[in-house]
N, C-alpha and C. Protein backbone atom coordinates (compact mmCIF):
# COMPACT_ATOMS: atom_id res chain seq x y z
N UNK A 1 40.28 116.15 33.67
CA UNK A 1 40.54 116.68 32.35
C UNK A 1 42.02 116.55 32.03
N UNK A 2 42.37 115.98 30.87
CA UNK A 2 43.75 115.78 30.48
C UNK A 2 44.04 116.61 29.25
N UNK A 3 45.15 117.34 29.28
CA UNK A 3 45.63 118.07 28.11
C UNK A 3 46.95 117.45 27.68
N UNK A 4 47.13 117.22 26.38
CA UNK A 4 48.35 116.62 25.89
C UNK A 4 49.44 117.67 25.79
N UNK A 5 50.67 117.29 26.16
CA UNK A 5 51.80 118.19 26.09
C UNK A 5 53.07 117.38 26.11
N UNK A 6 54.13 117.89 25.47
CA UNK A 6 55.41 117.19 25.49
C UNK A 6 56.21 117.55 26.74
N UNK A 7 55.72 118.52 27.51
CA UNK A 7 56.41 118.95 28.71
C UNK A 7 55.84 118.21 29.90
N UNK A 8 56.68 117.40 30.56
CA UNK A 8 56.17 116.55 31.65
C UNK A 8 55.62 117.37 32.79
N UNK A 9 56.28 118.47 33.13
CA UNK A 9 55.79 119.29 34.24
C UNK A 9 54.43 119.89 33.91
N UNK A 10 54.25 120.29 32.65
CA UNK A 10 52.97 120.87 32.25
C UNK A 10 51.88 119.82 32.28
N UNK A 11 52.25 118.58 31.85
CA UNK A 11 51.26 117.49 31.89
C UNK A 11 50.81 117.26 33.32
N UNK A 12 51.75 117.23 34.26
CA UNK A 12 51.39 117.01 35.66
C UNK A 12 50.46 118.09 36.17
N UNK A 13 50.68 119.32 35.75
CA UNK A 13 49.83 120.42 36.21
C UNK A 13 48.44 120.31 35.64
N UNK A 14 48.32 119.73 34.45
CA UNK A 14 47.01 119.70 33.78
C UNK A 14 46.20 118.46 34.07
N UNK A 15 46.78 117.52 34.80
CA UNK A 15 46.02 116.34 35.21
C UNK A 15 45.42 116.61 36.58
N UNK A 16 44.14 116.32 36.70
CA UNK A 16 43.52 116.47 38.02
C UNK A 16 44.22 115.57 39.01
N UNK A 17 44.06 115.86 40.28
CA UNK A 17 44.72 115.10 41.34
C UNK A 17 44.42 113.62 41.19
N UNK A 18 45.45 112.80 41.42
CA UNK A 18 45.33 111.35 41.23
C UNK A 18 44.15 110.76 41.98
N UNK A 19 43.92 111.19 43.17
CA UNK A 19 42.82 110.63 43.97
C UNK A 19 41.48 110.90 43.33
N UNK A 20 41.31 112.09 42.75
CA UNK A 20 40.02 112.41 42.15
C UNK A 20 39.77 111.58 40.91
N UNK A 21 40.83 111.29 40.14
CA UNK A 21 40.65 110.46 38.96
C UNK A 21 40.34 109.02 39.35
N UNK A 22 41.08 108.51 40.32
CA UNK A 22 40.85 107.13 40.71
C UNK A 22 39.51 106.94 41.40
N UNK A 23 38.95 108.01 41.93
CA UNK A 23 37.65 107.89 42.59
C UNK A 23 36.50 107.96 41.61
N UNK A 24 36.77 108.31 40.35
CA UNK A 24 35.70 108.38 39.36
C UNK A 24 35.23 106.98 39.01
N UNK A 25 33.94 106.80 38.69
CA UNK A 25 33.44 105.46 38.37
C UNK A 25 34.17 104.82 37.21
N UNK A 26 34.55 105.62 36.20
CA UNK A 26 35.17 105.07 35.01
C UNK A 26 36.54 104.49 35.31
N UNK A 27 37.39 105.25 36.03
CA UNK A 27 38.72 104.75 36.32
C UNK A 27 38.66 103.60 37.31
N UNK A 28 37.75 103.69 38.28
CA UNK A 28 37.60 102.58 39.22
C UNK A 28 37.21 101.31 38.48
N UNK A 29 36.32 101.44 37.50
CA UNK A 29 35.91 100.30 36.71
C UNK A 29 37.10 99.73 35.96
N UNK A 30 37.93 100.62 35.39
CA UNK A 30 39.09 100.17 34.63
C UNK A 30 40.08 99.43 35.53
N UNK A 31 40.34 99.98 36.69
CA UNK A 31 41.31 99.39 37.60
C UNK A 31 40.81 98.06 38.16
N UNK A 32 39.51 97.98 38.47
CA UNK A 32 38.98 96.81 39.15
C UNK A 32 38.53 95.70 38.22
N UNK A 33 38.36 96.02 36.92
CA UNK A 33 37.77 95.04 36.00
C UNK A 33 38.60 93.77 35.90
N UNK A 34 39.91 93.88 36.13
CA UNK A 34 40.76 92.71 36.06
C UNK A 34 40.55 91.72 37.19
N UNK A 35 39.75 92.06 38.19
CA UNK A 35 39.61 91.19 39.35
C UNK A 35 38.22 90.57 39.48
N UNK A 36 37.30 90.89 38.58
CA UNK A 36 35.92 90.48 38.83
C UNK A 36 35.37 89.50 37.81
N UNK A 37 36.08 89.22 36.73
CA UNK A 37 35.51 88.38 35.69
C UNK A 37 35.68 86.90 36.00
N UNK A 38 34.88 86.41 36.93
CA UNK A 38 34.91 85.00 37.30
C UNK A 38 33.57 84.39 36.92
N UNK A 39 33.61 83.23 36.29
CA UNK A 39 32.38 82.57 35.90
C UNK A 39 31.83 81.83 37.11
N UNK A 40 30.64 82.23 37.54
CA UNK A 40 30.04 81.69 38.76
C UNK A 40 29.90 80.17 38.68
N UNK A 41 30.27 79.53 39.77
CA UNK A 41 30.07 78.09 39.87
C UNK A 41 31.16 77.25 39.23
N UNK A 42 32.18 77.87 38.66
CA UNK A 42 33.23 77.13 38.00
C UNK A 42 34.58 77.59 38.52
N UNK A 43 35.55 76.69 38.52
CA UNK A 43 36.88 77.02 39.00
C UNK A 43 37.65 77.87 38.00
N UNK A 44 37.28 77.79 36.73
CA UNK A 44 38.01 78.52 35.70
C UNK A 44 37.76 80.02 35.83
N UNK A 45 38.84 80.79 35.83
CA UNK A 45 38.76 82.25 35.90
C UNK A 45 39.17 82.84 34.57
N UNK A 46 38.32 83.68 34.01
CA UNK A 46 38.54 84.19 32.67
C UNK A 46 39.55 85.33 32.62
N UNK A 47 39.82 85.97 33.76
CA UNK A 47 40.70 87.13 33.78
C UNK A 47 42.06 86.78 33.19
N UNK A 48 42.44 87.50 32.12
CA UNK A 48 43.73 87.36 31.45
C UNK A 48 43.98 85.95 30.92
N UNK A 49 42.94 85.15 30.76
CA UNK A 49 43.10 83.82 30.17
C UNK A 49 43.45 83.95 28.69
N UNK A 50 44.35 83.12 28.21
CA UNK A 50 44.69 83.09 26.80
C UNK A 50 43.71 82.17 26.07
N UNK A 51 43.78 82.20 24.74
CA UNK A 51 42.94 81.31 23.95
C UNK A 51 43.28 79.85 24.28
N UNK A 52 44.57 79.56 24.46
CA UNK A 52 44.96 78.19 24.82
C UNK A 52 44.37 77.79 26.17
N UNK A 53 44.37 78.74 27.13
CA UNK A 53 43.76 78.45 28.44
C UNK A 53 42.28 78.11 28.29
N UNK A 54 41.60 78.91 27.47
CA UNK A 54 40.16 78.68 27.28
C UNK A 54 39.92 77.35 26.59
N UNK A 55 40.73 77.04 25.58
CA UNK A 55 40.55 75.76 24.88
C UNK A 55 40.79 74.58 25.81
N UNK A 56 41.78 74.70 26.71
CA UNK A 56 42.00 73.63 27.69
C UNK A 56 40.80 73.49 28.62
N UNK A 57 40.20 74.63 29.00
CA UNK A 57 39.01 74.58 29.86
C UNK A 57 37.84 73.94 29.12
N UNK A 58 37.73 74.20 27.82
CA UNK A 58 36.70 73.52 27.02
C UNK A 58 36.94 72.01 27.06
N UNK A 59 38.19 71.62 26.85
CA UNK A 59 38.52 70.19 26.74
C UNK A 59 38.26 69.45 28.04
N UNK A 60 38.53 70.11 29.16
CA UNK A 60 38.36 69.46 30.47
C UNK A 60 36.97 69.69 31.06
N UNK A 61 36.07 70.26 30.27
CA UNK A 61 34.70 70.51 30.70
C UNK A 61 34.58 71.45 31.89
N UNK A 62 35.56 72.32 32.06
CA UNK A 62 35.46 73.38 33.07
C UNK A 62 34.66 74.56 32.56
N UNK A 63 34.46 74.62 31.25
CA UNK A 63 33.85 75.78 30.61
C UNK A 63 33.22 75.34 29.31
N UNK A 64 32.13 76.00 28.95
CA UNK A 64 31.52 75.79 27.63
C UNK A 64 31.51 77.10 26.87
N UNK A 65 31.39 76.99 25.57
CA UNK A 65 31.30 78.20 24.75
C UNK A 65 30.08 79.02 25.13
N UNK A 66 28.98 78.35 25.43
CA UNK A 66 27.76 79.07 25.79
C UNK A 66 27.97 79.86 27.08
N UNK A 67 28.64 79.27 28.07
CA UNK A 67 28.90 80.00 29.31
C UNK A 67 29.78 81.22 29.05
N UNK A 68 30.78 81.05 28.18
CA UNK A 68 31.69 82.15 27.89
C UNK A 68 30.96 83.28 27.17
N UNK A 69 30.14 82.93 26.19
CA UNK A 69 29.37 83.94 25.46
C UNK A 69 28.39 84.64 26.40
N UNK A 70 27.71 83.87 27.25
CA UNK A 70 26.77 84.49 28.19
C UNK A 70 27.48 85.44 29.15
N UNK A 71 28.70 85.07 29.56
CA UNK A 71 29.47 85.95 30.44
C UNK A 71 29.74 87.28 29.75
N UNK A 72 30.22 87.21 28.51
CA UNK A 72 30.54 88.45 27.80
C UNK A 72 29.29 89.27 27.48
N UNK A 73 28.21 88.60 27.13
CA UNK A 73 26.96 89.33 26.89
C UNK A 73 26.49 90.03 28.17
N UNK A 74 26.66 89.37 29.29
CA UNK A 74 26.30 90.00 30.57
C UNK A 74 27.18 91.20 30.87
N UNK A 75 28.48 91.10 30.58
CA UNK A 75 29.38 92.22 30.80
C UNK A 75 29.01 93.40 29.89
N UNK A 76 28.69 93.09 28.65
CA UNK A 76 28.28 94.15 27.72
C UNK A 76 27.01 94.83 28.21
N UNK A 77 26.04 94.02 28.64
CA UNK A 77 24.76 94.58 29.11
C UNK A 77 24.95 95.48 30.32
N UNK A 78 25.88 95.12 31.21
CA UNK A 78 26.04 95.89 32.44
C UNK A 78 26.99 97.08 32.29
N UNK A 79 27.93 97.03 31.36
CA UNK A 79 28.96 98.06 31.28
C UNK A 79 28.86 98.96 30.06
N UNK A 80 28.14 98.52 29.02
CA UNK A 80 28.20 99.26 27.76
C UNK A 80 27.54 100.63 27.84
N UNK A 81 26.57 100.81 28.72
CA UNK A 81 25.96 102.13 28.85
C UNK A 81 26.98 103.16 29.35
N UNK A 82 28.00 102.69 30.06
CA UNK A 82 29.06 103.58 30.54
C UNK A 82 30.21 103.69 29.54
N UNK A 83 30.64 102.54 29.02
CA UNK A 83 31.81 102.52 28.15
C UNK A 83 31.51 102.80 26.69
N UNK A 84 30.30 102.45 26.24
CA UNK A 84 29.87 102.66 24.86
C UNK A 84 30.89 102.10 23.86
N UNK A 85 31.32 100.87 24.12
CA UNK A 85 32.32 100.25 23.26
C UNK A 85 31.75 99.27 22.25
N UNK A 86 30.48 98.84 22.43
CA UNK A 86 29.87 97.86 21.54
C UNK A 86 28.62 98.47 20.92
N UNK A 87 28.55 98.44 19.59
CA UNK A 87 27.40 99.02 18.89
C UNK A 87 26.22 98.07 18.85
N UNK A 88 26.48 96.78 18.68
CA UNK A 88 25.39 95.80 18.69
C UNK A 88 25.98 94.41 18.91
N UNK A 89 25.16 93.55 19.49
CA UNK A 89 25.56 92.17 19.69
C UNK A 89 24.85 91.29 18.67
N UNK A 90 25.46 90.19 18.36
CA UNK A 90 24.93 89.27 17.36
C UNK A 90 23.79 88.45 17.98
N UNK A 91 22.57 88.55 17.45
CA UNK A 91 21.47 87.76 18.01
C UNK A 91 21.67 86.26 17.83
N UNK A 92 22.60 85.87 16.96
CA UNK A 92 22.88 84.45 16.73
C UNK A 92 24.08 83.95 17.54
N UNK A 93 24.68 84.79 18.38
CA UNK A 93 25.90 84.40 19.08
C UNK A 93 25.69 83.20 19.99
N UNK A 94 24.59 83.18 20.72
CA UNK A 94 24.34 82.05 21.63
C UNK A 94 24.10 80.76 20.86
N UNK A 95 23.40 80.86 19.72
CA UNK A 95 23.20 79.67 18.89
C UNK A 95 24.53 79.16 18.34
N UNK A 96 25.41 80.08 17.94
CA UNK A 96 26.72 79.69 17.46
C UNK A 96 27.52 79.00 18.56
N UNK A 97 27.42 79.52 19.79
CA UNK A 97 28.12 78.91 20.92
C UNK A 97 27.58 77.51 21.21
N UNK A 98 26.25 77.36 21.19
CA UNK A 98 25.65 76.04 21.41
C UNK A 98 26.11 75.05 20.34
N UNK A 99 26.19 75.52 19.09
CA UNK A 99 26.65 74.66 18.01
C UNK A 99 28.11 74.24 18.23
N UNK A 100 28.93 75.17 18.68
CA UNK A 100 30.33 74.85 18.97
C UNK A 100 30.43 73.80 20.07
N UNK A 101 29.60 73.92 21.11
CA UNK A 101 29.62 72.93 22.19
C UNK A 101 29.20 71.55 21.68
N UNK A 102 28.20 71.52 20.81
CA UNK A 102 27.78 70.23 20.24
C UNK A 102 28.89 69.62 19.39
N UNK A 103 29.53 70.44 18.58
CA UNK A 103 30.62 69.95 17.73
C UNK A 103 31.78 69.42 18.57
N UNK A 104 32.06 70.09 19.68
CA UNK A 104 33.16 69.65 20.55
C UNK A 104 32.84 68.28 21.16
N UNK A 105 31.59 68.11 21.60
CA UNK A 105 31.19 66.82 22.17
C UNK A 105 31.26 65.72 21.12
N UNK A 106 30.80 66.01 19.91
CA UNK A 106 30.85 65.02 18.84
C UNK A 106 32.29 64.65 18.50
N UNK A 107 33.16 65.66 18.45
CA UNK A 107 34.57 65.40 18.13
C UNK A 107 35.21 64.54 19.21
N UNK A 108 34.88 64.81 20.48
CA UNK A 108 35.45 64.02 21.58
C UNK A 108 34.94 62.57 21.51
N UNK A 109 33.67 62.41 21.19
CA UNK A 109 33.08 61.07 21.10
C UNK A 109 33.72 60.27 19.97
N UNK A 110 34.02 60.95 18.87
CA UNK A 110 34.59 60.29 17.70
C UNK A 110 36.12 60.23 17.74
N UNK A 111 36.71 60.83 18.78
CA UNK A 111 38.15 60.80 18.89
C UNK A 111 38.86 61.76 17.95
N UNK A 112 38.14 62.75 17.47
CA UNK A 112 38.75 63.74 16.55
C UNK A 112 39.32 64.91 17.36
N UNK A 113 40.38 65.51 16.86
CA UNK A 113 40.98 66.67 17.52
C UNK A 113 41.38 67.72 16.49
N UNK A 114 40.53 67.91 15.50
CA UNK A 114 40.89 68.80 14.38
C UNK A 114 39.98 70.03 14.33
N UNK A 115 39.41 70.43 15.45
CA UNK A 115 38.60 71.64 15.47
C UNK A 115 39.50 72.86 15.33
N UNK A 116 38.95 73.97 14.85
CA UNK A 116 39.73 75.17 14.60
C UNK A 116 40.35 75.76 15.85
N UNK A 117 41.42 76.52 15.67
CA UNK A 117 42.12 77.12 16.80
C UNK A 117 41.23 78.07 17.60
N UNK A 118 40.26 78.69 16.94
CA UNK A 118 39.36 79.64 17.61
C UNK A 118 37.98 79.02 17.85
N UNK A 119 37.90 77.72 17.79
CA UNK A 119 36.60 77.07 17.90
C UNK A 119 35.92 77.43 19.22
N UNK A 120 34.73 78.02 19.10
CA UNK A 120 33.94 78.38 20.28
C UNK A 120 34.37 79.65 20.98
N UNK A 121 35.35 80.37 20.44
CA UNK A 121 35.86 81.59 21.06
C UNK A 121 35.08 82.80 20.54
N UNK A 122 34.46 83.60 21.41
CA UNK A 122 33.72 84.79 20.96
C UNK A 122 34.68 85.91 20.54
N UNK A 123 34.32 86.56 19.45
CA UNK A 123 35.15 87.62 18.87
C UNK A 123 34.27 88.83 18.56
N UNK A 124 34.74 90.01 18.96
CA UNK A 124 34.09 91.27 18.56
C UNK A 124 34.83 91.84 17.37
N UNK A 125 34.08 92.35 16.40
CA UNK A 125 34.66 92.94 15.20
C UNK A 125 34.37 94.43 15.15
N UNK A 126 35.29 95.19 14.59
CA UNK A 126 35.00 96.60 14.31
C UNK A 126 33.81 96.69 13.37
N UNK A 127 33.05 97.76 13.49
CA UNK A 127 31.83 97.92 12.69
C UNK A 127 32.13 98.24 11.23
N UNK A 128 33.39 98.23 10.85
CA UNK A 128 33.76 98.41 9.44
C UNK A 128 34.04 97.08 8.75
N UNK A 129 33.99 95.98 9.50
CA UNK A 129 34.31 94.67 8.95
C UNK A 129 33.02 93.96 8.56
N UNK A 130 32.90 93.64 7.28
CA UNK A 130 31.64 93.12 6.74
C UNK A 130 31.36 91.71 7.22
N UNK A 131 30.11 91.50 7.66
CA UNK A 131 29.62 90.17 8.03
C UNK A 131 28.28 89.94 7.36
N UNK A 132 28.18 88.83 6.65
CA UNK A 132 26.91 88.51 5.98
C UNK A 132 26.04 87.72 6.96
N UNK A 133 25.42 88.46 7.86
CA UNK A 133 24.58 87.84 8.88
C UNK A 133 23.60 88.89 9.39
N UNK A 134 23.11 88.72 10.61
CA UNK A 134 22.12 89.65 11.14
C UNK A 134 22.73 90.98 11.59
N UNK A 135 24.05 91.07 11.65
CA UNK A 135 24.70 92.29 12.11
C UNK A 135 24.78 93.34 11.01
N UNK A 136 24.73 94.60 11.44
CA UNK A 136 24.95 95.70 10.51
C UNK A 136 26.45 95.92 10.32
N UNK A 137 26.80 96.53 9.20
CA UNK A 137 28.17 96.97 8.94
C UNK A 137 28.07 98.42 8.49
N UNK A 138 28.34 99.37 9.39
CA UNK A 138 28.00 100.76 9.12
C UNK A 138 29.16 101.74 9.27
N UNK A 139 30.30 101.29 9.75
CA UNK A 139 31.43 102.18 10.06
C UNK A 139 30.99 103.28 11.03
N UNK A 140 30.02 102.95 11.90
CA UNK A 140 29.56 103.87 12.91
C UNK A 140 28.53 104.88 12.46
N UNK A 141 28.08 104.79 11.20
CA UNK A 141 27.19 105.80 10.63
C UNK A 141 25.77 105.27 10.46
N UNK A 142 24.79 106.14 10.72
CA UNK A 142 23.40 105.78 10.46
C UNK A 142 23.11 105.66 8.97
N UNK A 143 23.96 106.24 8.13
CA UNK A 143 23.72 106.21 6.68
C UNK A 143 23.70 104.79 6.14
N UNK A 144 24.43 103.87 6.76
CA UNK A 144 24.50 102.49 6.27
C UNK A 144 23.68 101.52 7.12
N UNK A 145 22.97 102.03 8.11
CA UNK A 145 22.19 101.16 8.98
C UNK A 145 21.11 100.45 8.17
N UNK A 146 21.07 99.12 8.25
CA UNK A 146 20.09 98.34 7.51
C UNK A 146 20.56 97.89 6.14
N UNK A 147 21.70 98.37 5.71
CA UNK A 147 22.23 97.93 4.41
C UNK A 147 22.78 96.51 4.52
N UNK A 148 22.84 95.80 3.42
CA UNK A 148 23.31 94.42 3.41
C UNK A 148 24.60 94.31 2.61
N UNK A 149 25.57 93.62 3.17
CA UNK A 149 26.82 93.39 2.45
C UNK A 149 26.66 92.12 1.60
N UNK A 150 27.36 92.03 0.46
CA UNK A 150 27.19 90.87 -0.41
C UNK A 150 27.81 89.59 0.12
N UNK A 151 28.78 89.70 1.02
CA UNK A 151 29.49 88.51 1.52
C UNK A 151 30.30 88.90 2.77
N UNK A 152 30.77 87.88 3.46
CA UNK A 152 31.70 88.10 4.57
C UNK A 152 33.01 88.67 4.03
N UNK A 153 33.64 89.52 4.83
CA UNK A 153 34.99 89.97 4.48
C UNK A 153 35.95 88.79 4.61
N UNK A 154 37.13 88.95 4.03
CA UNK A 154 38.11 87.87 4.07
C UNK A 154 38.48 87.46 5.48
N UNK A 155 38.64 88.44 6.36
CA UNK A 155 39.03 88.11 7.74
C UNK A 155 37.91 87.36 8.45
N UNK A 156 36.66 87.70 8.17
CA UNK A 156 35.54 86.99 8.80
C UNK A 156 35.43 85.56 8.27
N UNK A 157 35.67 85.38 6.98
CA UNK A 157 35.68 84.03 6.44
C UNK A 157 36.69 83.15 7.16
N UNK A 158 37.88 83.71 7.42
CA UNK A 158 38.92 82.94 8.10
C UNK A 158 38.55 82.69 9.57
N UNK A 159 37.92 83.70 10.20
CA UNK A 159 37.48 83.50 11.58
C UNK A 159 36.43 82.40 11.68
N UNK A 160 35.49 82.40 10.76
CA UNK A 160 34.44 81.37 10.79
C UNK A 160 35.06 79.99 10.54
N UNK A 161 36.01 79.90 9.60
CA UNK A 161 36.66 78.61 9.35
C UNK A 161 37.41 78.11 10.58
N UNK A 162 37.94 79.06 11.36
CA UNK A 162 38.65 78.69 12.59
C UNK A 162 37.70 78.37 13.73
N UNK A 163 36.39 78.57 13.52
CA UNK A 163 35.39 78.20 14.51
C UNK A 163 34.98 79.30 15.47
N UNK A 164 35.39 80.55 15.20
CA UNK A 164 35.07 81.65 16.11
C UNK A 164 33.58 81.95 16.14
N UNK A 165 33.12 82.41 17.29
CA UNK A 165 31.76 82.90 17.47
C UNK A 165 31.79 84.41 17.27
N UNK A 166 31.03 84.92 16.31
CA UNK A 166 30.99 86.36 16.07
C UNK A 166 30.03 86.98 17.08
N UNK A 167 30.60 87.66 18.07
CA UNK A 167 29.80 88.15 19.20
C UNK A 167 29.07 89.45 18.88
N UNK A 168 29.65 90.31 18.06
CA UNK A 168 29.00 91.59 17.76
C UNK A 168 29.95 92.54 17.07
N UNK A 169 29.53 93.80 17.03
CA UNK A 169 30.31 94.85 16.37
C UNK A 169 30.71 95.91 17.40
N UNK A 170 31.99 96.24 17.38
CA UNK A 170 32.54 97.24 18.30
C UNK A 170 32.55 98.62 17.66
N UNK A 171 32.55 99.64 18.50
CA UNK A 171 32.52 101.01 18.01
C UNK A 171 33.86 101.42 17.41
N UNK A 172 33.88 102.58 16.80
CA UNK A 172 35.06 103.13 16.17
C UNK A 172 34.81 104.60 15.88
N UNK A 173 35.83 105.32 15.50
CA UNK A 173 35.62 106.69 15.03
C UNK A 173 34.86 106.62 13.71
N UNK A 174 33.73 107.32 13.62
CA UNK A 174 32.88 107.21 12.44
C UNK A 174 33.66 107.46 11.15
N UNK A 175 33.54 106.51 10.21
CA UNK A 175 34.27 106.58 8.94
C UNK A 175 35.77 106.77 9.18
N UNK A 176 36.25 106.29 10.33
CA UNK A 176 37.67 106.43 10.70
C UNK A 176 38.14 107.89 10.66
N UNK A 177 37.23 108.80 11.00
CA UNK A 177 37.58 110.22 11.08
C UNK A 177 37.54 110.95 9.76
N UNK A 178 37.19 110.27 8.67
CA UNK A 178 37.17 110.91 7.35
C UNK A 178 36.03 111.91 7.22
N UNK A 179 34.95 111.68 7.95
CA UNK A 179 33.78 112.56 7.85
C UNK A 179 34.12 114.00 8.20
N UNK A 180 34.93 114.18 9.24
CA UNK A 180 35.30 115.53 9.66
C UNK A 180 36.56 115.46 10.51
N UNK A 181 37.45 116.43 10.33
CA UNK A 181 38.67 116.47 11.13
C UNK A 181 38.40 116.92 12.56
N UNK A 182 37.19 117.42 12.82
CA UNK A 182 36.88 117.94 14.16
C UNK A 182 36.17 116.91 15.04
N UNK A 183 35.83 115.74 14.49
CA UNK A 183 35.17 114.70 15.29
C UNK A 183 36.17 114.10 16.27
N UNK A 184 35.83 114.00 17.55
CA UNK A 184 36.76 113.41 18.53
C UNK A 184 37.04 111.95 18.22
N UNK A 185 38.24 111.49 18.52
CA UNK A 185 38.56 110.08 18.37
C UNK A 185 37.60 109.25 19.23
N UNK A 186 37.10 108.17 18.64
CA UNK A 186 36.20 107.28 19.37
C UNK A 186 34.74 107.66 19.30
N UNK A 187 34.40 108.73 18.56
CA UNK A 187 33.00 109.13 18.46
C UNK A 187 32.40 108.63 17.16
N UNK A 188 31.16 108.15 17.23
CA UNK A 188 30.39 107.85 16.03
C UNK A 188 28.92 108.11 16.33
N UNK A 189 28.15 108.34 15.28
CA UNK A 189 26.74 108.70 15.46
C UNK A 189 25.97 107.57 16.15
N UNK A 190 26.26 106.33 15.80
CA UNK A 190 25.51 105.21 16.36
C UNK A 190 25.80 104.97 17.84
N UNK A 191 27.03 105.15 18.24
CA UNK A 191 27.40 104.80 19.61
C UNK A 191 27.71 105.97 20.52
N UNK A 192 27.85 107.17 19.94
CA UNK A 192 28.27 108.30 20.77
C UNK A 192 29.76 108.25 21.03
N UNK A 193 30.18 108.93 22.07
CA UNK A 193 31.61 108.97 22.41
C UNK A 193 32.02 107.77 23.24
N UNK A 194 32.85 106.91 22.64
CA UNK A 194 33.40 105.79 23.39
C UNK A 194 34.40 106.31 24.43
N UNK A 195 34.36 105.73 25.62
CA UNK A 195 35.18 106.28 26.71
C UNK A 195 36.23 105.30 27.21
N UNK A 196 36.33 104.11 26.64
CA UNK A 196 37.36 103.16 27.08
C UNK A 196 38.73 103.76 26.85
N UNK A 197 38.93 104.39 25.69
CA UNK A 197 40.21 104.99 25.39
C UNK A 197 40.59 106.07 26.40
N UNK A 198 39.61 106.82 26.88
CA UNK A 198 39.88 107.85 27.88
C UNK A 198 40.38 107.22 29.17
N UNK A 199 39.79 106.07 29.54
CA UNK A 199 40.24 105.39 30.75
C UNK A 199 41.68 104.93 30.61
N UNK A 200 42.03 104.36 29.46
CA UNK A 200 43.40 103.91 29.24
C UNK A 200 44.37 105.09 29.26
N UNK A 201 43.98 106.20 28.64
CA UNK A 201 44.85 107.37 28.63
C UNK A 201 45.05 107.91 30.05
N UNK A 202 43.97 107.95 30.82
CA UNK A 202 44.07 108.43 32.19
C UNK A 202 45.01 107.55 32.99
N UNK A 203 44.84 106.23 32.85
CA UNK A 203 45.70 105.30 33.58
C UNK A 203 47.15 105.46 33.14
N UNK A 204 47.37 105.64 31.83
CA UNK A 204 48.72 105.79 31.30
C UNK A 204 49.38 107.05 31.85
N UNK A 205 48.66 108.16 31.85
CA UNK A 205 49.22 109.41 32.36
C UNK A 205 49.53 109.31 33.85
N UNK A 206 48.62 108.67 34.59
CA UNK A 206 48.86 108.54 36.03
C UNK A 206 50.06 107.64 36.31
N UNK A 207 50.30 106.66 35.43
CA UNK A 207 51.43 105.77 35.63
C UNK A 207 52.75 106.49 35.39
N UNK A 208 52.77 107.33 34.35
CA UNK A 208 54.01 107.99 33.98
C UNK A 208 54.24 109.31 34.72
N UNK A 209 53.14 109.97 35.09
CA UNK A 209 53.25 111.24 35.76
C UNK A 209 52.42 111.25 37.04
N UNK A 210 52.77 110.41 38.03
CA UNK A 210 51.95 110.33 39.26
C UNK A 210 51.94 111.65 39.99
N UNK A 211 50.80 111.94 40.62
CA UNK A 211 50.69 113.17 41.40
C UNK A 211 51.58 113.06 42.63
N UNK A 212 52.29 114.13 42.94
CA UNK A 212 53.21 114.11 44.07
C UNK A 212 52.45 114.29 45.37
């Protein structure tokens, strides 16, 4: 349990012992996640890879968009019940990735190199960003579930032009906290309480105020 305070000594007293926090599944997951994201059977390691790194891996056939999307979908399937960071995944994401792989092969065959900077790169969007597709846009609320937006938002139009794969919708504070001042940060009706932020806060406090 963490209590916020401007007094460093008080903060140290209110943080549970470092060992107990690091032994929790959530913090262990946060600490270890940087070491496990390797795509099986390939030399390319996704951990901390930049977009340029990924695009080079696409070009050298070390990686495909479909493999990258499948990796992230697998991570979401295995971790989201704990982290509750993703509200829904795009049922068309794998088709979009396959299309990107086909376009890349065609461009290579034709000697073209004008594909978008984000071509084949999966992107998660906040659930407040409108997408005219199979995904909902609800700002975390059941009140808008099933509603249809008239068009893509401007940022999504630019992402699609750049070739990005829309992977899904990420959670947020419902209505960005406008619904009630008492709703905890990161909570929404559709996803419940997101806990990724808690892991980052715990890690941050332990870094700045380590237990003696």
